[in-house]
N, C-alpha and C. Protein backbone atom coordinates (compact mmCIF):
# COMPACT_ATOMS: atom_id res chain seq x y z
N MET A 1 0.93 -1.16 -0.37
CA MET A 1 0.00 -0.04 -0.02
C MET A 1 0.85 1.50 -0.06
N LYS A 2 0.55 2.38 -0.83
CA LYS A 2 0.95 3.47 -0.90
C LYS A 2 1.11 4.16 0.43
N GLN A 3 2.10 4.64 0.85
CA GLN A 3 1.83 5.68 1.90
C GLN A 3 2.59 6.65 1.87
N THR A 4 2.22 8.03 2.45
CA THR A 4 2.76 9.21 2.27
C THR A 4 3.12 9.68 3.36
N PHE A 5 4.43 10.55 3.65
CA PHE A 5 4.70 10.90 4.84
C PHE A 5 5.20 12.21 4.41
N THR A 6 4.77 13.45 5.38
CA THR A 6 5.75 14.91 5.11
C THR A 6 6.87 14.92 6.32
N VAL A 7 8.08 15.21 5.74
CA VAL A 7 9.44 14.64 6.57
C VAL A 7 10.04 15.98 6.65
N THR A 8 10.27 16.86 7.27
CA THR A 8 10.66 18.14 7.48
C THR A 8 12.21 17.68 7.97
N GLY A 9 13.37 18.80 7.34
CA GLY A 9 14.59 18.37 7.59
C GLY A 9 15.52 18.00 6.68
N MET A 10 15.25 17.31 5.36
CA MET A 10 15.92 17.15 4.89
C MET A 10 16.10 18.11 3.45
N THR A 11 17.67 18.24 3.34
CA THR A 11 18.18 19.31 2.79
C THR A 11 19.23 19.43 1.38
N CYS A 12 19.27 17.74 1.67
CA CYS A 12 20.31 17.43 0.40
C CYS A 12 20.34 16.61 0.02
N GLY A 13 20.79 15.71 -0.98
CA GLY A 13 20.55 14.27 -1.39
C GLY A 13 21.52 13.16 -0.10
N HIS A 14 22.40 13.81 0.81
CA HIS A 14 22.54 12.70 1.72
C HIS A 14 21.53 12.47 2.44
N CYS A 15 20.37 13.34 3.00
CA CYS A 15 19.32 13.32 3.75
C CYS A 15 18.26 12.35 3.09
N GLU A 16 18.03 12.22 1.54
CA GLU A 16 17.69 11.98 1.14
C GLU A 16 18.08 10.02 0.94
N LYS A 17 18.70 9.93 1.11
CA LYS A 17 19.90 8.68 1.23
C LYS A 17 19.27 8.11 2.63
N ALA A 18 19.42 9.03 3.39
CA ALA A 18 19.46 8.36 4.56
C ALA A 18 17.91 7.93 5.27
N VAL A 19 16.98 8.83 4.48
CA VAL A 19 15.48 8.23 4.48
C VAL A 19 15.46 7.00 4.07
N THR A 20 15.99 7.01 3.20
CA THR A 20 15.54 5.58 2.23
C THR A 20 16.27 4.52 2.79
N ARG A 21 17.19 4.73 3.49
CA ARG A 21 18.10 3.50 3.83
C ARG A 21 17.56 3.03 5.18
N ALA A 22 16.94 3.97 5.82
CA ALA A 22 16.08 3.89 7.35
C ALA A 22 14.68 3.20 7.02
N VAL A 23 14.18 3.66 5.70
CA VAL A 23 12.70 2.81 5.20
C VAL A 23 13.42 1.40 4.85
N LYS A 24 14.19 1.39 3.75
CA LYS A 24 14.80 -0.13 3.70
C LYS A 24 14.80 -1.11 4.65
N GLN A 25 15.63 -0.29 5.65
CA GLN A 25 16.24 -1.58 7.06
C GLN A 25 14.23 -2.06 7.77
N ALA A 26 13.73 -0.91 7.79
CA ALA A 26 12.48 -1.36 8.34
C ALA A 26 11.45 -2.22 7.58
N ASP A 27 11.54 -1.88 5.71
CA ASP A 27 10.86 -2.86 5.34
C ASP A 27 11.80 -3.03 3.61
N PRO A 28 13.06 -4.36 3.87
CA PRO A 28 13.50 -4.18 2.65
C PRO A 28 12.89 -4.15 1.36
N GLN A 29 12.08 -4.75 1.07
CA GLN A 29 10.96 -4.76 -0.05
C GLN A 29 10.44 -3.12 -0.17
N ALA A 30 10.31 -2.42 0.21
CA ALA A 30 9.58 -1.32 0.22
C ALA A 30 10.31 -0.03 -1.46
N GLU A 31 9.55 0.70 -1.60
CA GLU A 31 9.62 1.60 -2.63
C GLU A 31 9.43 2.89 -2.41
N VAL A 32 10.55 3.29 -2.17
CA VAL A 32 10.79 4.62 -1.75
C VAL A 32 10.82 6.19 -2.24
N SER A 33 9.81 6.74 -2.91
CA SER A 33 9.86 8.24 -3.57
C SER A 33 9.78 9.18 -2.49
N ILE A 34 10.93 10.44 -3.02
CA ILE A 34 10.97 11.72 -2.52
C ILE A 34 10.70 12.62 -2.81
N ASP A 35 10.37 13.48 -2.58
CA ASP A 35 10.02 14.79 -3.08
C ASP A 35 10.55 16.03 -2.03
N ARG A 36 11.72 15.88 -2.34
CA ARG A 36 12.41 17.11 -1.09
C ARG A 36 12.32 18.28 -1.36
N ALA A 37 12.02 18.98 -2.31
CA ALA A 37 11.16 20.38 -2.03
C ALA A 37 10.08 20.55 -1.47
N ALA A 38 9.41 19.45 -1.62
CA ALA A 38 7.74 19.23 -1.44
C ALA A 38 7.64 18.59 0.76
N ASN A 39 8.83 18.13 0.48
CA ASN A 39 8.87 17.41 2.08
C ASN A 39 8.04 16.27 2.10
N LYS A 40 8.17 15.40 0.92
CA LYS A 40 6.86 14.24 0.64
C LYS A 40 7.87 13.19 0.70
N VAL A 41 7.54 12.05 1.44
CA VAL A 41 8.07 10.75 1.13
C VAL A 41 6.93 9.75 0.65
N ASP A 42 7.00 9.20 -0.50
CA ASP A 42 6.20 8.22 -0.65
C ASP A 42 6.48 6.99 -0.22
N VAL A 43 5.61 5.96 0.24
CA VAL A 43 6.43 4.67 0.04
C VAL A 43 5.29 3.86 0.02
N GLN A 44 6.05 2.82 -0.69
CA GLN A 44 5.02 1.71 -1.00
C GLN A 44 5.43 0.66 -0.27
N SER A 45 4.90 0.14 0.74
CA SER A 45 5.17 -1.05 1.67
C SER A 45 3.96 -1.56 2.59
N GLU A 46 4.31 -2.95 2.74
CA GLU A 46 2.95 -3.22 3.89
C GLU A 46 3.01 -2.99 5.33
N GLN A 47 4.20 -2.39 5.25
CA GLN A 47 4.61 -2.69 7.12
C GLN A 47 3.63 -1.51 7.82
N PRO A 48 3.42 -1.40 8.73
CA PRO A 48 2.60 -0.49 9.44
C PRO A 48 3.04 0.74 9.44
N ARG A 49 2.42 2.02 9.27
CA ARG A 49 2.71 3.32 8.60
C ARG A 49 3.53 3.70 10.09
N GLU A 50 3.38 3.39 11.40
CA GLU A 50 3.93 3.77 12.54
C GLU A 50 5.23 3.49 12.95
N LEU A 51 5.45 1.93 12.32
CA LEU A 51 7.00 1.70 12.01
C LEU A 51 7.62 2.40 10.94
N LEU A 52 7.56 2.60 9.91
CA LEU A 52 7.82 3.52 9.19
C LEU A 52 8.14 4.89 9.40
N ALA A 53 7.30 5.64 9.84
CA ALA A 53 7.36 6.74 10.36
C ALA A 53 8.40 6.58 11.42
N GLN A 54 8.98 5.80 12.34
CA GLN A 54 9.33 5.74 13.71
C GLN A 54 11.25 5.55 12.93
N ALA A 55 11.14 4.67 12.24
CA ALA A 55 12.68 4.55 11.31
C ALA A 55 13.11 5.64 10.99
N ILE A 56 11.87 7.01 9.98
CA ILE A 56 12.46 7.94 9.54
C ILE A 56 12.77 8.75 10.60
N ALA A 57 11.91 8.90 11.82
CA ALA A 57 12.50 9.94 12.68
C ALA A 57 13.82 9.76 13.46
N GLU A 58 14.15 8.26 13.61
CA GLU A 58 15.25 7.92 14.67
C GLU A 58 16.24 8.47 13.54
N GLU A 59 16.53 8.61 12.03
CA GLU A 59 17.52 9.30 11.54
C GLU A 59 17.54 10.58 11.82
N GLY A 60 16.67 10.95 12.39
CA GLY A 60 16.45 12.83 12.97
C GLY A 60 15.91 14.07 11.97
N TYR A 61 14.73 13.31 11.37
CA TYR A 61 14.13 14.01 10.81
C TYR A 61 12.50 14.10 11.34
N THR A 62 11.63 15.13 11.23
CA THR A 62 10.72 14.88 12.03
C THR A 62 9.59 14.81 10.74
N VAL A 63 8.76 13.99 11.51
CA VAL A 63 7.47 13.49 10.61
C VAL A 63 6.32 13.64 10.73
N ALA A 64 5.57 14.15 9.81
CA ALA A 64 4.24 15.28 10.72
C ALA A 64 3.29 14.87 10.21
N ALA A 65 3.35 13.79 9.17
CA ALA A 65 1.97 13.15 8.26
C ALA A 65 2.15 11.89 7.76
């Protein structure tokens, strides 16, 4: 299922890689698409939303929605 998160604090390509890596650690099968300018992270995953949001937050980014 597709889940969209609003993630603030991503300022560069390294940030995008860190968020992608965090999601992939929670779900290796996940597909991640990031629009840094819009602070949007789309994740195609069957994992619970809370687990994915926690993984992103643990990287130091704020997950608003």
